[in-house]
C-alpha atoms as a PDB file:
ATOM      1  CA  UNK A   1      -0.027  -0.026   0.029  1.00  0.00           C
ATOM      2  CA  UNK A   2       1.425   3.403  -0.903  1.00  0.00           C
ATOM      3  CA  UNK A   3       1.843   6.293   1.490  1.00  0.00           C
ATOM      4  CA  UNK A   4      -1.344   8.482   0.443  1.00  0.00           C
ATOM      5  CA  UNK A   5      -3.790   5.561   1.143  1.00  0.00           C
ATOM      6  CA  UNK A   6      -1.941   4.758   4.473  1.00  0.00           C
ATOM      7  CA  UNK A   7      -2.408   8.531   5.545  1.00  0.00           C
ATOM      8  CA  UNK A   8      -6.071   8.611   4.664  1.00  0.00           C
ATOM      9  CA  UNK A   9      -6.782   5.358   6.170  1.00  0.00           C
ATOM     10  CA  UNK A  10      -5.094   6.586   9.521  1.00  0.00           C
ATOM     11  CA  UNK A  11      -7.229   9.694   9.491  1.00  0.00           C
ATOM     12  CA  UNK A  12     -10.258   7.555   8.972  1.00  0.00           C
ATOM     13  CA  UNK A  13      -9.380   5.436  12.033  1.00  0.00           C
ATOM     14  CA  UNK A  14      -8.791   8.640  14.109  1.00  0.00           C
ATOM     15  CA  UNK A  15     -12.161  10.362  13.001  1.00  0.00           C
ATOM     16  CA  UNK A  16     -14.036   7.102  13.676  1.00  0.00           C
ATOM     17  CA  UNK A  17     -12.760   6.809  17.117  1.00  0.00           C
ATOM     18  CA  UNK A  18     -13.316  10.617  17.804  1.00  0.00           C
ATOM     19  CA  UNK A  19     -16.926  10.263  16.467  1.00  0.00           C
ATOM     20  CA  UNK A  20     -17.646   7.477  18.937  1.00  0.00           C
ATOM     21  CA  UNK A  21     -16.218   9.503  21.728  1.00  0.00           C
ATOM     22  CA  UNK A  22     -18.145  12.677  20.719  1.00  0.00           C
ATOM     23  CA  UNK A  23     -21.389  10.820  20.515  1.00  0.00           C
ATOM     24  CA  UNK A  24     -20.886   9.071  24.009  1.00  0.00           C
ATOM     25  CA  UNK A  25     -19.650  12.409  25.533  1.00  0.00           C
ATOM     26  CA  UNK A  26     -22.562  14.517  24.247  1.00  0.00           C
ATOM     27  CA  UNK A  27     -25.102  11.775  25.299  1.00  0.00           C
ATOM     28  CA  UNK A  28     -23.321  11.631  28.783  1.00  0.00           C
ATOM     29  CA  UNK A  29     -23.494  15.355  29.282  1.00  0.00           C
ATOM     30  CA  UNK A  30     -27.209  15.618  28.339  1.00  0.00           C
ATOM     31  CA  UNK A  31     -29.854  15.151  31.002  1.00  0.00           C
ATOM     32  CA  UNK A  32     -31.307  12.215  29.170  1.00  0.00           C
ATOM     33  CA  UNK A  33     -29.324   9.233  28.194  1.00  0.00           C
ATOM     34  CA  UNK A  34     -31.627   8.698  25.082  1.00  0.00           C
ATOM     35  CA  UNK A  35     -31.102   9.579  21.441  1.00  0.00           C
ATOM     36  CA  UNK A  36     -32.798  13.036  22.075  1.00  0.00           C
ATOM     37  CA  UNK A  37     -29.614  14.051  24.146  1.00  0.00           C
ATOM     38  CA  UNK A  38     -27.355  13.675  20.944  1.00  0.00           C
ATOM     39  CA  UNK A  39     -25.686  16.732  19.385  1.00  0.00           C
ATOM     40  CA  UNK A  40     -26.682  16.173  15.799  1.00  0.00           C
ATOM     41  CA  UNK A  41     -24.558  18.798  14.002  1.00  0.00           C
ATOM     42  CA  UNK A  42     -21.277  17.667  15.380  1.00  0.00           C
ATOM     43  CA  UNK A  43     -22.170  14.090  15.042  1.00  0.00           C
ATOM     44  CA  UNK A  44     -23.234  14.290  11.547  1.00  0.00           C
ATOM     45  CA  UNK A  45     -20.151  16.397  10.594  1.00  0.00           C
ATOM     46  CA  UNK A  46     -17.821  13.879  12.135  1.00  0.00           C
ATOM     47  CA  UNK A  47     -19.553  10.866  10.541  1.00  0.00           C
ATOM     48  CA  UNK A  48     -19.478  12.661   7.052  1.00  0.00           C
ATOM     49  CA  UNK A  49     -15.764  13.518   7.613  1.00  0.00           C
ATOM     50  CA  UNK A  50     -14.924   9.883   8.384  1.00  0.00           C
ATOM     51  CA  UNK A  51     -16.743   8.526   5.428  1.00  0.00           C
ATOM     52  CA  UNK A  52     -15.071  11.180   3.159  1.00  0.00           C
ATOM     53  CA  UNK A  53     -11.495  10.166   4.287  1.00  0.00           C
ATOM     54  CA  UNK A  54     -12.486   6.566   3.983  1.00  0.00           C
ATOM     55  CA  UNK A  55     -13.667   7.188   0.442  1.00  0.00           C
ATOM     56  CA  UNK A  56     -10.547   9.073  -0.383  1.00  0.00           C
ATOM     57  CA  UNK A  57      -8.349   6.305   1.126  1.00  0.00           C
ATOM     58  CA  UNK A  58     -10.033   3.644  -1.038  1.00  0.00           C
ATOM     59  CA  UNK A  59      -9.699   5.764  -4.001  1.00  0.00           C
ATOM     60  CA  UNK A  60      -5.816   6.210  -3.428  1.00  0.00           C
ATOM     61  CA  UNK A  61      -5.636   2.433  -2.566  1.00  0.00           C
ATOM     62  CA  UNK A  62      -7.139   1.228  -5.924  1.00  0.00           C
ATOM     63  CA  UNK A  63      -5.567   3.751  -8.113  1.00  0.00           C
ATOM     64  CA  UNK A  64      -2.011   3.548  -6.779  1.00  0.00           C
ATOM     65  CA  UNK A  65      -2.066  -0.263  -7.073  1.00  0.00           C
ATOM     66  CA  UNK A  66      -2.194   0.360 -10.868  1.00  0.00           C
ATOM     67  CA  UNK A  67       0.845   2.673 -11.168  1.00  0.00           C
ATOM     68  CA  UNK A  68       4.482   2.142 -10.705  1.00  0.00           C
ATOM     69  CA  UNK A  69       6.393   3.119  -7.503  1.00  0.00           C
ATOM     70  CA  UNK A  70       6.268   6.866  -6.555  1.00  0.00           C
ATOM     71  CA  UNK A  71       9.332   8.777  -5.549  1.00  0.00           C
ATOM     72  CA  UNK A  72       7.556   9.336  -2.095  1.00  0.00           C
ATOM     73  CA  UNK A  73       7.284   5.488  -1.677  1.00  0.00           C
ATOM     74  CA  UNK A  74      10.859   4.767  -2.481  1.00  0.00           C
ATOM     75  CA  UNK A  75      13.289   4.837   0.369  1.00  0.00           C
ATOM     76  CA  UNK A  76      16.376   5.976  -1.561  1.00  0.00           C
ATOM     77  CA  UNK A  77      14.536   8.472  -3.606  1.00  0.00           C
ATOM     78  CA  UNK A  78      16.218  11.947  -4.128  1.00  0.00           C
ATOM     79  CA  UNK A  79      14.287  15.229  -4.612  1.00  0.00           C
ATOM     80  CA  UNK A  80      14.857  15.329  -8.219  1.00  0.00           C
ATOM     81  CA  UNK A  81      13.264  12.024  -8.749  1.00  0.00           C
ATOM     82  CA  UNK A  82       9.893  13.716  -8.269  1.00  0.00           C
ATOM     83  CA  UNK A  83      10.889  16.565 -10.811  1.00  0.00           C
ATOM     84  CA  UNK A  84       9.149  16.786 -14.112  1.00  0.00           C
ATOM     85  CA  UNK A  85       5.549  17.455 -15.483  1.00  0.00           C
ATOM     86  CA  UNK A  86       2.997  17.017 -13.007  1.00  0.00           C
ATOM     87  CA  UNK A  87       0.107  17.429 -15.370  1.00  0.00           C
ATOM     88  CA  UNK A  88      -1.607  19.833 -17.585  1.00  0.00           C
ATOM     89  CA  UNK A  89      -3.337  22.743 -15.925  1.00  0.00           C
ATOM     90  CA  UNK A  90      -5.160  25.360 -18.161  1.00  0.00           C
ATOM     91  CA  UNK A  91      -3.563  28.701 -17.842  1.00  0.00           C
ATOM     92  CA  UNK A  92      -6.307  30.893 -18.603  1.00  0.00           C
ATOM     93  CA  UNK A  93      -9.757  29.277 -18.202  1.00  0.00           C
ATOM     94  CA  UNK A  94     -12.814  31.178 -17.394  1.00  0.00           C
ATOM     95  CA  UNK A  95     -14.894  28.185 -16.374  1.00  0.00           C
ATOM     96  CA  UNK A  96     -13.736  27.877 -12.771  1.00  0.00           C
ATOM     97  CA  UNK A  97     -14.811  31.477 -12.093  1.00  0.00           C
ATOM     98  CA  UNK A  98     -18.164  30.628 -13.754  1.00  0.00           C
ATOM     99  CA  UNK A  99     -18.552  27.683 -11.486  1.00  0.00           C
ATOM    100  CA  UNK A 100     -17.689  29.716  -8.329  1.00  0.00           C
ATOM    101  CA  UNK A 101     -20.507  32.244  -9.474  1.00  0.00           C
ATOM    102  CA  UNK A 102     -22.816  29.368  -9.927  1.00  0.00           C
ATOM    103  CA  UNK A 103     -22.212  27.940  -6.546  1.00  0.00           C
ATOM    104  CA  UNK A 104     -22.485  31.574  -5.088  1.00  0.00           C
ATOM    105  CA  UNK A 105     -26.005  31.817  -6.744  1.00  0.00           C
ATOM    106  CA  UNK A 106     -26.980  28.585  -5.216  1.00  0.00           C
ATOM    107  CA  UNK A 107     -25.840  29.686  -1.791  1.00  0.00           C
ATOM    108  CA  UNK A 108     -27.921  32.861  -2.096  1.00  0.00           C
ATOM    109  CA  UNK A 109     -30.906  30.867  -3.309  1.00  0.00           C
ATOM    110  CA  UNK A 110     -30.622  28.543  -0.265  1.00  0.00           C
ATOM    111  CA  UNK A 111     -30.077  31.526   2.119  1.00  0.00           C
ATOM    112  CA  UNK A 112     -33.008  33.394   0.816  1.00  0.00           C
ATOM    113  CA  UNK A 113     -35.155  30.200  -0.047  1.00  0.00           C
ATOM    114  CA  UNK A 114     -35.518  31.484  -3.568  1.00  0.00           C
ATOM    115  CA  UNK A 115     -36.001  28.220  -5.517  1.00  0.00           C
ATOM    116  CA  UNK A 116     -35.670  29.884  -8.953  1.00  0.00           C
ATOM    117  CA  UNK A 117     -32.091  31.126  -7.920  1.00  0.00           C
ATOM    118  CA  UNK A 118     -31.104  27.576  -6.840  1.00  0.00           C
ATOM    119  CA  UNK A 119     -32.292  26.067 -10.126  1.00  0.00           C
ATOM    120  CA  UNK A 120     -30.556  28.926 -12.037  1.00  0.00           C
ATOM    121  CA  UNK A 121     -27.345  28.196 -10.030  1.00  0.00           C
ATOM    122  CA  UNK A 122     -27.580  24.423 -10.659  1.00  0.00           C
ATOM    123  CA  UNK A 123     -28.094  24.775 -14.380  1.00  0.00           C
ATOM    124  CA  UNK A 124     -25.110  27.267 -14.726  1.00  0.00           C
ATOM    125  CA  UNK A 125     -23.035  25.013 -12.496  1.00  0.00           C
ATOM    126  CA  UNK A 126     -23.742  21.978 -14.758  1.00  0.00           C
ATOM    127  CA  UNK A 127     -23.151  24.065 -17.939  1.00  0.00           C
ATOM    128  CA  UNK A 128     -19.814  25.503 -16.635  1.00  0.00           C
ATOM    129  CA  UNK A 129     -18.745  22.033 -15.461  1.00  0.00           C
ATOM    130  CA  UNK A 130     -19.323  20.616 -18.957  1.00  0.00           C
ATOM    131  CA  UNK A 131     -17.634  23.356 -20.622  1.00  0.00           C
ATOM    132  CA  UNK A 132     -14.650  23.192 -18.381  1.00  0.00           C
ATOM    133  CA  UNK A 133     -14.239  19.482 -19.285  1.00  0.00           C
ATOM    134  CA  UNK A 134     -14.710  20.224 -22.946  1.00  0.00           C
ATOM    135  CA  UNK A 135     -12.692  23.322 -23.454  1.00  0.00           C
ATOM    136  CA  UNK A 136      -9.800  21.579 -25.130  1.00  0.00           C
ATOM    137  CA  UNK A 137     -12.058  19.158 -27.046  1.00  0.00           C
ATOM    138  CA  UNK A 138     -14.126  21.817 -28.893  1.00  0.00           C
ATOM    139  CA  UNK A 139     -12.735  23.945 -31.764  1.00  0.00           C
ATOM    140  CA  UNK A 140     -11.700  27.348 -30.713  1.00  0.00           C
ATOM    141  CA  UNK A 141     -14.552  29.227 -32.382  1.00  0.00           C
ATOM    142  CA  UNK A 142     -17.075  27.176 -30.333  1.00  0.00           C
ATOM    143  CA  UNK A 143     -16.280  28.454 -26.846  1.00  0.00           C
END
């Protein structure tokens, strides 16, 4: 197993233990020992964080099995072994900004319970995400 998966699995175990401790502590502090005494916001956040780190750990576990050894997993690696091209990153794309505006529209729609604004933001977000993925597959005059 590679280092990234190990890190996320370790964080998952830590968050799982902290979630159990948090749930038991908030039920113990409350007057009733029943489910009504549970503090839902913190418990839900910790459970979701645990599941997120588990999902990322599983993703890294499955993808890192298919690639060669990385410099960070090799004990005798030098700094220059990790040099080189890391990937292609678009230098001047407008679509991340459009996606940010769409998420802001959805946030304002949720804050003011304006359903039309939520729908508008969702449509713009889907459109911008599609254009972000297709920006180098379409001819220049199409975008």
